[in-house]
Amino acid sequence: MTESRTALVTGANKGIGYAIAAGLGALGYRVGVGARDDARREAAVGQLRAAGVDAFGVPLDVTRDDSVAAAAELLEREVGHLDALVNNAGISGELGPGWVQDPTALDVDAVRTVVDTNVLGVVRVTNAVLPLLQRAPLPRVVNVSSRVGSVTWQADPDVDLGAVMALYAPTKSYLNAITVQYARHFRGTDLLVNAACPGLVASDFTGFRGSRTPEQGAAVVVRLATLPAGGPTGGFFDESGTVPW
């Protein structure tokens, strides 16, 4: 058994990621604040520590193999195990007026960039820290997704998902699918893997257009990151329950 609970949150220097780190810290987790910007990362660590959270910085660019490998090595030295990994880092890609991303005008390089962060970044980080997760008694992985990644809701004309986001939304569908694959691989073990929808949160990411606070958005993520033994795996959840694929 490990002596203390530890977590890594990617993209944790602001917004929902910061709120997730704060929420886990309030539950007694030692939290690695993963972020690529040195100044913002250290500022977030300082704020978390001032609030009583046992936080430490993890330099991490999820799009770079060398950065992810270095982060895994730092975690090996610093904590030796992980009870929870929250893959929160993500980007929207360029948004047109009204947040529209026109599928007929997509730039292929832009698609690659968003997929590299929102999907491949999750695979890089998850696989790099799997040995640390597998040393924990009840390891949890939470991938922060979005309701716009629900193909069921995207295809339903009666569901209002806002503007067409042909660049961002499919990356969250892809993220949901890879979440299921990890869950299938680890089914029957203590490692649970789920996707979470925090809702439309007022943050830098949304241009502060959302109606929800980062703390409200973080709540479902924190719950999934701290599931008890026998909890669900391979699911997609928001605060109200299951989100359709």
C-alpha atoms as a PDB file:
ATOM      1  CA  MET A   1       0.000   0.000   0.000  1.00  0.00           C
ATOM      2  CA  THR A   2       1.101   3.542  -0.730  1.00  0.00           C
ATOM      3  CA  GLU A   3       1.366   6.010   2.121  1.00  0.00           C
ATOM      4  CA  SER A   4      -0.336   8.977   0.464  1.00  0.00           C
ATOM      5  CA  ARG A   5      -2.568   9.680  -2.508  1.00  0.00           C
ATOM      6  CA  THR A   6      -1.083  11.501  -5.467  1.00  0.00           C
ATOM      7  CA  ALA A   7      -2.472  12.935  -8.698  1.00  0.00           C
ATOM      8  CA  LEU A   8      -1.267  14.524 -11.911  1.00  0.00           C
ATOM      9  CA  VAL A   9      -3.500  17.065 -13.652  1.00  0.00           C
ATOM     10  CA  THR A  10      -2.458  18.246 -17.102  1.00  0.00           C
ATOM     11  CA  GLY A  11      -3.231  21.803 -18.144  1.00  0.00           C
ATOM     12  CA  ALA A  12      -3.624  22.652 -14.472  1.00  0.00           C
ATOM     13  CA  ASN A  13      -2.337  26.212 -14.377  1.00  0.00           C
ATOM     14  CA  LYS A  14      -5.763  27.831 -14.874  1.00  0.00           C
ATOM     15  CA  GLY A  15      -9.476  27.313 -15.438  1.00  0.00           C
ATOM     16  CA  ILE A  16     -10.969  23.870 -14.993  1.00  0.00           C
ATOM     17  CA  GLY A  17      -7.553  22.248 -14.622  1.00  0.00           C
ATOM     18  CA  TYR A  18      -6.649  24.485 -11.710  1.00  0.00           C
ATOM     19  CA  ALA A  19     -10.043  23.837 -10.089  1.00  0.00           C
ATOM     20  CA  ILE A  20      -9.522  20.080 -10.472  1.00  0.00           C
ATOM     21  CA  ALA A  21      -6.109  20.349  -8.820  1.00  0.00           C
ATOM     22  CA  ALA A  22      -7.615  22.403  -5.997  1.00  0.00           C
ATOM     23  CA  GLY A  23     -10.470  19.946  -5.564  1.00  0.00           C
ATOM     24  CA  LEU A  24      -8.177  16.937  -5.338  1.00  0.00           C
ATOM     25  CA  GLY A  25      -5.848  18.834  -3.032  1.00  0.00           C
ATOM     26  CA  ALA A  26      -8.740  19.633  -0.711  1.00  0.00           C
ATOM     27  CA  LEU A  27      -9.331  15.874  -0.427  1.00  0.00           C
ATOM     28  CA  GLY A  28      -5.763  15.334   0.704  1.00  0.00           C
ATOM     29  CA  TYR A  29      -4.098  14.454  -2.584  1.00  0.00           C
ATOM     30  CA  ARG A  30      -0.593  15.587  -3.356  1.00  0.00           C
ATOM     31  CA  VAL A  31      -1.074  17.192  -6.763  1.00  0.00           C
ATOM     32  CA  GLY A  32       1.321  17.539  -9.669  1.00  0.00           C
ATOM     33  CA  VAL A  33       0.428  20.667 -11.633  1.00  0.00           C
ATOM     34  CA  GLY A  34       1.191  19.814 -15.245  1.00  0.00           C
ATOM     35  CA  ALA A  35       1.645  22.806 -17.553  1.00  0.00           C
ATOM     36  CA  ARG A  36       4.039  23.891 -20.279  1.00  0.00           C
ATOM     37  CA  ASP A  37       4.329  27.584 -19.334  1.00  0.00           C
ATOM     38  CA  ASP A  38       6.881  27.876 -16.531  1.00  0.00           C
ATOM     39  CA  ALA A  39       5.645  31.144 -15.053  1.00  0.00           C
ATOM     40  CA  ARG A  40       1.965  30.197 -15.081  1.00  0.00           C
ATOM     41  CA  ARG A  41       2.710  26.754 -13.675  1.00  0.00           C
ATOM     42  CA  GLU A  42       4.717  28.087 -10.765  1.00  0.00           C
ATOM     43  CA  ALA A  43       2.141  30.796 -10.081  1.00  0.00           C
ATOM     44  CA  ALA A  44      -0.563  28.120  -9.890  1.00  0.00           C
ATOM     45  CA  VAL A  45       1.567  25.990  -7.565  1.00  0.00           C
ATOM     46  CA  GLY A  46       2.064  28.996  -5.309  1.00  0.00           C
ATOM     47  CA  GLN A  47      -1.651  29.748  -5.199  1.00  0.00           C
ATOM     48  CA  LEU A  48      -2.504  26.134  -4.442  1.00  0.00           C
ATOM     49  CA  ARG A  49       0.062  25.954  -1.667  1.00  0.00           C
ATOM     50  CA  ALA A  50      -1.287  29.174  -0.187  1.00  0.00           C
ATOM     51  CA  ALA A  51      -4.685  27.471  -0.089  1.00  0.00           C
ATOM     52  CA  GLY A  52      -3.222  24.519   1.794  1.00  0.00           C
ATOM     53  CA  VAL A  53      -2.752  22.110  -1.115  1.00  0.00           C
ATOM     54  CA  ASP A  54       0.381  19.960  -1.274  1.00  0.00           C
ATOM     55  CA  ALA A  55       1.178  20.929  -4.877  1.00  0.00           C
ATOM     56  CA  PHE A  56       4.300  20.713  -7.019  1.00  0.00           C
ATOM     57  CA  GLY A  57       5.068  21.724 -10.584  1.00  0.00           C
ATOM     58  CA  VAL A  58       5.455  19.291 -13.484  1.00  0.00           C
ATOM     59  CA  PRO A  59       6.830  20.876 -16.666  1.00  0.00           C
ATOM     60  CA  LEU A  60       4.723  19.226 -19.347  1.00  0.00           C
ATOM     61  CA  ASP A  61       3.965  19.808 -23.017  1.00  0.00           C
ATOM     62  CA  VAL A  62       1.660  16.939 -23.977  1.00  0.00           C
ATOM     63  CA  THR A  63       2.562  17.297 -27.677  1.00  0.00           C
ATOM     64  CA  ARG A  64       6.254  16.529 -27.122  1.00  0.00           C
ATOM     65  CA  ASP A  65       7.553  13.030 -26.469  1.00  0.00           C
ATOM     66  CA  ASP A  66      10.653  14.333 -24.685  1.00  0.00           C
ATOM     67  CA  SER A  67       8.624  16.577 -22.383  1.00  0.00           C
ATOM     68  CA  VAL A  68       6.242  13.758 -21.470  1.00  0.00           C
ATOM     69  CA  ALA A  69       9.138  11.376 -20.795  1.00  0.00           C
ATOM     70  CA  ALA A  70      10.835  13.975 -18.590  1.00  0.00           C
ATOM     71  CA  ALA A  71       7.581  14.534 -16.676  1.00  0.00           C
ATOM     72  CA  ALA A  72       7.241  10.794 -16.045  1.00  0.00           C
ATOM     73  CA  GLU A  73      10.808  10.687 -14.736  1.00  0.00           C
ATOM     74  CA  LEU A  74      10.133  13.649 -12.440  1.00  0.00           C
ATOM     75  CA  LEU A  75       7.040  11.927 -11.058  1.00  0.00           C
ATOM     76  CA  GLU A  76       9.024   8.748 -10.519  1.00  0.00           C
ATOM     77  CA  ARG A  77      11.514  10.667  -8.408  1.00  0.00           C
ATOM     78  CA  GLU A  78       9.003  12.939  -6.679  1.00  0.00           C
ATOM     79  CA  VAL A  79       6.177  10.551  -5.751  1.00  0.00           C
ATOM     80  CA  GLY A  80       6.892   7.060  -7.091  1.00  0.00           C
ATOM     81  CA  HIS A  81       3.250   6.311  -7.878  1.00  0.00           C
ATOM     82  CA  LEU A  82       0.007   7.939  -9.075  1.00  0.00           C
ATOM     83  CA  ASP A  83      -3.459   7.335  -7.708  1.00  0.00           C
ATOM     84  CA  ALA A  84      -5.096   9.579 -10.295  1.00  0.00           C
ATOM     85  CA  LEU A  85      -4.280  10.962 -13.731  1.00  0.00           C
ATOM     86  CA  VAL A  86      -6.516  13.704 -15.094  1.00  0.00           C
ATOM     87  CA  ASN A  87      -5.931  14.402 -18.788  1.00  0.00           C
ATOM     88  CA  ASN A  88      -7.320  17.924 -18.898  1.00  0.00           C
ATOM     89  CA  ALA A  89      -4.999  19.736 -21.332  1.00  0.00           C
ATOM     90  CA  GLY A  90      -6.780  20.626 -24.549  1.00  0.00           C
ATOM     91  CA  ILE A  91      -7.184  23.224 -27.268  1.00  0.00           C
ATOM     92  CA  SER A  92     -10.119  24.260 -29.449  1.00  0.00           C
ATOM     93  CA  GLY A  93      -8.278  25.234 -32.605  1.00  0.00           C
ATOM     94  CA  GLU A  94      -9.051  28.457 -34.431  1.00  0.00           C
ATOM     95  CA  LEU A  95     -12.640  29.601 -34.063  1.00  0.00           C
ATOM     96  CA  GLY A  96     -14.516  31.662 -36.604  1.00  0.00           C
ATOM     97  CA  PRO A  97     -17.232  34.220 -35.818  1.00  0.00           C
ATOM     98  CA  GLY A  98     -19.792  32.719 -33.453  1.00  0.00           C
ATOM     99  CA  TRP A  99     -17.371  29.907 -32.605  1.00  0.00           C
ATOM    100  CA  VAL A 100     -18.069  28.255 -35.972  1.00  0.00           C
ATOM    101  CA  GLN A 101     -15.564  25.790 -37.409  1.00  0.00           C
ATOM    102  CA  ASP A 102     -16.742  25.134 -40.959  1.00  0.00           C
ATOM    103  CA  PRO A 103     -16.126  21.500 -41.999  1.00  0.00           C
ATOM    104  CA  THR A 104     -15.833  22.575 -45.648  1.00  0.00           C
ATOM    105  CA  ALA A 105     -12.980  24.938 -44.854  1.00  0.00           C
ATOM    106  CA  LEU A 106     -10.862  22.882 -42.459  1.00  0.00           C
ATOM    107  CA  ASP A 107      -7.107  23.186 -42.737  1.00  0.00           C
ATOM    108  CA  VAL A 108      -5.546  19.736 -42.482  1.00  0.00           C
ATOM    109  CA  ASP A 109      -2.558  21.019 -40.525  1.00  0.00           C
ATOM    110  CA  ALA A 110      -4.933  22.647 -38.038  1.00  0.00           C
ATOM    111  CA  VAL A 111      -6.735  19.310 -37.641  1.00  0.00           C
ATOM    112  CA  ARG A 112      -3.416  17.595 -36.913  1.00  0.00           C
ATOM    113  CA  THR A 113      -2.534  20.210 -34.300  1.00  0.00           C
ATOM    114  CA  VAL A 114      -5.773  19.816 -32.352  1.00  0.00           C
ATOM    115  CA  VAL A 115      -5.694  16.011 -32.566  1.00  0.00           C
ATOM    116  CA  ASP A 116      -2.080  16.047 -31.371  1.00  0.00           C
ATOM    117  CA  THR A 117      -3.059  17.872 -28.182  1.00  0.00           C
ATOM    118  CA  ASN A 118      -6.556  16.564 -27.478  1.00  0.00           C
ATOM    119  CA  VAL A 119      -6.035  12.894 -28.357  1.00  0.00           C
ATOM    120  CA  LEU A 120      -2.403  11.971 -28.947  1.00  0.00           C
ATOM    121  CA  GLY A 121      -1.371  14.010 -25.931  1.00  0.00           C
ATOM    122  CA  VAL A 122      -3.661  11.889 -23.775  1.00  0.00           C
ATOM    123  CA  VAL A 123      -2.143   8.699 -25.173  1.00  0.00           C
ATOM    124  CA  ARG A 124       1.407   9.993 -24.652  1.00  0.00           C
ATOM    125  CA  VAL A 125       0.849  10.983 -21.049  1.00  0.00           C
ATOM    126  CA  THR A 126      -1.273   7.988 -20.066  1.00  0.00           C
ATOM    127  CA  ASN A 127       1.170   5.441 -21.449  1.00  0.00           C
ATOM    128  CA  ALA A 128       4.158   7.237 -19.956  1.00  0.00           C
ATOM    129  CA  VAL A 129       2.761   7.181 -16.420  1.00  0.00           C
ATOM    130  CA  LEU A 130       1.052   3.774 -16.513  1.00  0.00           C
ATOM    131  CA  PRO A 131       3.807   2.156 -14.418  1.00  0.00           C
ATOM    132  CA  LEU A 132       3.163   4.775 -11.733  1.00  0.00           C
ATOM    133  CA  LEU A 133      -0.600   4.228 -11.863  1.00  0.00           C
ATOM    134  CA  GLN A 134      -0.191   0.470 -11.604  1.00  0.00           C
ATOM    135  CA  ARG A 135       1.647   0.877  -8.296  1.00  0.00           C
ATOM    136  CA  ALA A 136      -1.414   2.502  -6.703  1.00  0.00           C
ATOM    137  CA  PRO A 137      -4.084   0.385  -5.003  1.00  0.00           C
ATOM    138  CA  LEU A 138      -7.047   2.005  -6.812  1.00  0.00           C
ATOM    139  CA  PRO A 139      -5.707   3.945  -9.810  1.00  0.00           C
ATOM    140  CA  ARG A 140      -8.030   6.245 -11.754  1.00  0.00           C
ATOM    141  CA  VAL A 141      -7.729   7.941 -15.150  1.00  0.00           C
ATOM    142  CA  VAL A 142     -10.136  10.701 -16.140  1.00  0.00           C
ATOM    143  CA  ASN A 143     -10.133  12.201 -19.627  1.00  0.00           C
ATOM    144  CA  VAL A 144     -11.778  15.615 -19.767  1.00  0.00           C
ATOM    145  CA  SER A 145     -14.127  15.547 -22.730  1.00  0.00           C
ATOM    146  CA  SER A 146     -17.117  17.646 -23.806  1.00  0.00           C
ATOM    147  CA  ARG A 147     -20.782  17.182 -24.610  1.00  0.00           C
ATOM    148  CA  VAL A 148     -19.967  18.250 -28.186  1.00  0.00           C
ATOM    149  CA  GLY A 149     -18.034  14.996 -28.475  1.00  0.00           C
ATOM    150  CA  SER A 150     -21.274  13.007 -28.161  1.00  0.00           C
ATOM    151  CA  VAL A 151     -22.027  11.686 -31.658  1.00  0.00           C
ATOM    152  CA  THR A 152     -25.563  10.905 -30.497  1.00  0.00           C
ATOM    153  CA  TRP A 153     -26.183  14.519 -29.546  1.00  0.00           C
ATOM    154  CA  GLN A 154     -24.316  15.890 -32.572  1.00  0.00           C
ATOM    155  CA  ALA A 155     -26.616  13.887 -34.853  1.00  0.00           C
ATOM    156  CA  ASP A 156     -29.820  14.920 -33.043  1.00  0.00           C
ATOM    157  CA  PRO A 157     -31.305  18.130 -34.532  1.00  0.00           C
ATOM    158  CA  ASP A 158     -33.287  18.659 -31.336  1.00  0.00           C
ATOM    159  CA  VAL A 159     -30.152  18.935 -29.177  1.00  0.00           C
ATOM    160  CA  ASP A 160     -28.609  22.403 -29.077  1.00  0.00           C
ATOM    161  CA  LEU A 161     -24.825  22.093 -28.907  1.00  0.00           C
ATOM    162  CA  GLY A 162     -24.218  25.646 -30.045  1.00  0.00           C
ATOM    163  CA  ALA A 163     -22.155  26.385 -33.129  1.00  0.00           C
ATOM    164  CA  VAL A 164     -20.779  23.793 -35.543  1.00  0.00           C
ATOM    165  CA  MET A 165     -17.282  22.961 -34.273  1.00  0.00           C
ATOM    166  CA  ALA A 166     -15.976  20.643 -36.956  1.00  0.00           C
ATOM    167  CA  LEU A 167     -12.394  20.887 -35.724  1.00  0.00           C
ATOM    168  CA  TYR A 168     -12.813  20.608 -31.952  1.00  0.00           C
ATOM    169  CA  ALA A 169     -15.864  18.348 -31.539  1.00  0.00           C
ATOM    170  CA  PRO A 170     -14.517  15.306 -33.452  1.00  0.00           C
ATOM    171  CA  THR A 171     -11.354  15.308 -31.326  1.00  0.00           C
ATOM    172  CA  LYS A 172     -13.536  14.836 -28.258  1.00  0.00           C
ATOM    173  CA  SER A 173     -15.381  11.992 -29.997  1.00  0.00           C
ATOM    174  CA  TYR A 174     -11.997  10.431 -30.695  1.00  0.00           C
ATOM    175  CA  LEU A 175     -10.985  10.993 -27.067  1.00  0.00           C
ATOM    176  CA  ASN A 176     -14.162   9.257 -25.895  1.00  0.00           C
ATOM    177  CA  ALA A 177     -13.397   6.278 -28.148  1.00  0.00           C
ATOM    178  CA  ILE A 178      -9.826   5.934 -26.880  1.00  0.00           C
ATOM    179  CA  THR A 179     -11.163   6.161 -23.314  1.00  0.00           C
ATOM    180  CA  VAL A 180     -13.301   3.093 -23.992  1.00  0.00           C
ATOM    181  CA  GLN A 181     -10.319   1.228 -25.421  1.00  0.00           C
ATOM    182  CA  TYR A 182      -8.244   1.849 -22.292  1.00  0.00           C
ATOM    183  CA  ALA A 183     -11.177   0.793 -20.114  1.00  0.00           C
ATOM    184  CA  ARG A 184     -11.620  -2.424 -22.117  1.00  0.00           C
ATOM    185  CA  HIS A 185      -7.924  -3.209 -21.819  1.00  0.00           C
ATOM    186  CA  PHE A 186      -7.946  -2.802 -18.032  1.00  0.00           C
ATOM    187  CA  ARG A 187     -11.382  -4.291 -17.372  1.00  0.00           C
ATOM    188  CA  GLY A 188     -11.242  -6.702 -14.460  1.00  0.00           C
ATOM    189  CA  THR A 189      -8.432  -4.757 -12.806  1.00  0.00           C
ATOM    190  CA  ASP A 190      -8.501  -1.943 -10.246  1.00  0.00           C
ATOM    191  CA  LEU A 191      -7.618   0.672 -12.900  1.00  0.00           C
ATOM    192  CA  LEU A 192     -10.759   2.595 -13.896  1.00  0.00           C
ATOM    193  CA  VAL A 193     -10.814   4.884 -16.946  1.00  0.00           C
ATOM    194  CA  ASN A 194     -13.651   7.325 -17.666  1.00  0.00           C
ATOM    195  CA  ALA A 195     -14.454  10.480 -19.626  1.00  0.00           C
ATOM    196  CA  ALA A 196     -15.972  13.560 -18.005  1.00  0.00           C
ATOM    197  CA  CYS A 197     -17.971  16.479 -19.370  1.00  0.00           C
ATOM    198  CA  PRO A 198     -17.563  19.582 -17.166  1.00  0.00           C
ATOM    199  CA  GLY A 199     -20.139  21.627 -19.085  1.00  0.00           C
ATOM    200  CA  LEU A 200     -19.752  25.116 -20.515  1.00  0.00           C
ATOM    201  CA  VAL A 201     -17.443  26.765 -18.004  1.00  0.00           C
ATOM    202  CA  ALA A 202     -16.554  30.452 -17.934  1.00  0.00           C
ATOM    203  CA  SER A 203     -12.789  30.386 -18.464  1.00  0.00           C
ATOM    204  CA  ASP A 204     -10.050  31.541 -20.807  1.00  0.00           C
ATOM    205  CA  PHE A 205     -10.790  28.496 -22.958  1.00  0.00           C
ATOM    206  CA  THR A 206     -14.371  29.632 -23.647  1.00  0.00           C
ATOM    207  CA  GLY A 207     -13.692  33.342 -23.663  1.00  0.00           C
ATOM    208  CA  PHE A 208     -15.625  33.426 -20.369  1.00  0.00           C
ATOM    209  CA  ARG A 209     -18.881  32.728 -22.217  1.00  0.00           C
ATOM    210  CA  GLY A 210     -19.951  29.806 -20.040  1.00  0.00           C
ATOM    211  CA  SER A 211     -22.505  29.960 -17.260  1.00  0.00           C
ATOM    212  CA  ARG A 212     -20.665  27.537 -14.963  1.00  0.00           C
ATOM    213  CA  THR A 213     -17.734  28.190 -12.652  1.00  0.00           C
ATOM    214  CA  PRO A 214     -14.504  26.196 -12.958  1.00  0.00           C
ATOM    215  CA  GLU A 215     -15.307  24.648  -9.576  1.00  0.00           C
ATOM    216  CA  GLN A 216     -18.696  23.459 -10.838  1.00  0.00           C
ATOM    217  CA  GLY A 217     -17.082  21.998 -13.932  1.00  0.00           C
ATOM    218  CA  ALA A 218     -14.359  20.308 -11.923  1.00  0.00           C
ATOM    219  CA  ALA A 219     -16.753  18.507  -9.581  1.00  0.00           C
ATOM    220  CA  VAL A 220     -17.588  15.584 -11.895  1.00  0.00           C
ATOM    221  CA  VAL A 221     -13.900  15.146 -12.732  1.00  0.00           C
ATOM    222  CA  VAL A 222     -12.886  15.044  -9.074  1.00  0.00           C
ATOM    223  CA  ARG A 223     -15.655  12.517  -8.384  1.00  0.00           C
ATOM    224  CA  LEU A 224     -14.449  10.199 -11.157  1.00  0.00           C
ATOM    225  CA  ALA A 225     -10.820  10.599 -10.092  1.00  0.00           C
ATOM    226  CA  THR A 226     -11.701   9.418  -6.593  1.00  0.00           C
ATOM    227  CA  LEU A 227     -14.123   6.583  -7.374  1.00  0.00           C
ATOM    228  CA  PRO A 228     -14.247   3.815  -4.775  1.00  0.00           C
ATOM    229  CA  ALA A 229     -13.516   0.185  -5.567  1.00  0.00           C
ATOM    230  CA  GLY A 230     -16.106  -1.275  -7.898  1.00  0.00           C
ATOM    231  CA  GLY A 231     -16.864   2.060  -9.561  1.00  0.00           C
ATOM    232  CA  PRO A 232     -17.758   2.395 -13.242  1.00  0.00           C
ATOM    233  CA  THR A 233     -15.210   2.251 -16.037  1.00  0.00           C
ATOM    234  CA  GLY A 234     -15.444   3.041 -19.733  1.00  0.00           C
ATOM    235  CA  GLY A 235     -18.199   5.621 -19.159  1.00  0.00           C
ATOM    236  CA  PHE A 236     -18.897   9.201 -20.206  1.00  0.00           C
ATOM    237  CA  PHE A 237     -20.376  11.308 -17.413  1.00  0.00           C
ATOM    238  CA  ASP A 238     -21.474  14.820 -16.545  1.00  0.00           C
ATOM    239  CA  GLU A 239     -22.895  16.072 -13.252  1.00  0.00           C
ATOM    240  CA  SER A 240     -26.333  14.651 -14.103  1.00  0.00           C
ATOM    241  CA  GLY A 241     -25.159  11.153 -14.922  1.00  0.00           C
ATOM    242  CA  THR A 242     -24.314   9.298 -18.129  1.00  0.00           C
ATOM    243  CA  VAL A 243     -23.784  11.204 -21.364  1.00  0.00           C
ATOM    244  CA  PRO A 244     -24.674   9.294 -24.562  1.00  0.00           C
ATOM    245  CA  TRP A 245     -21.857   8.377 -26.880  1.00  0.00           C
END
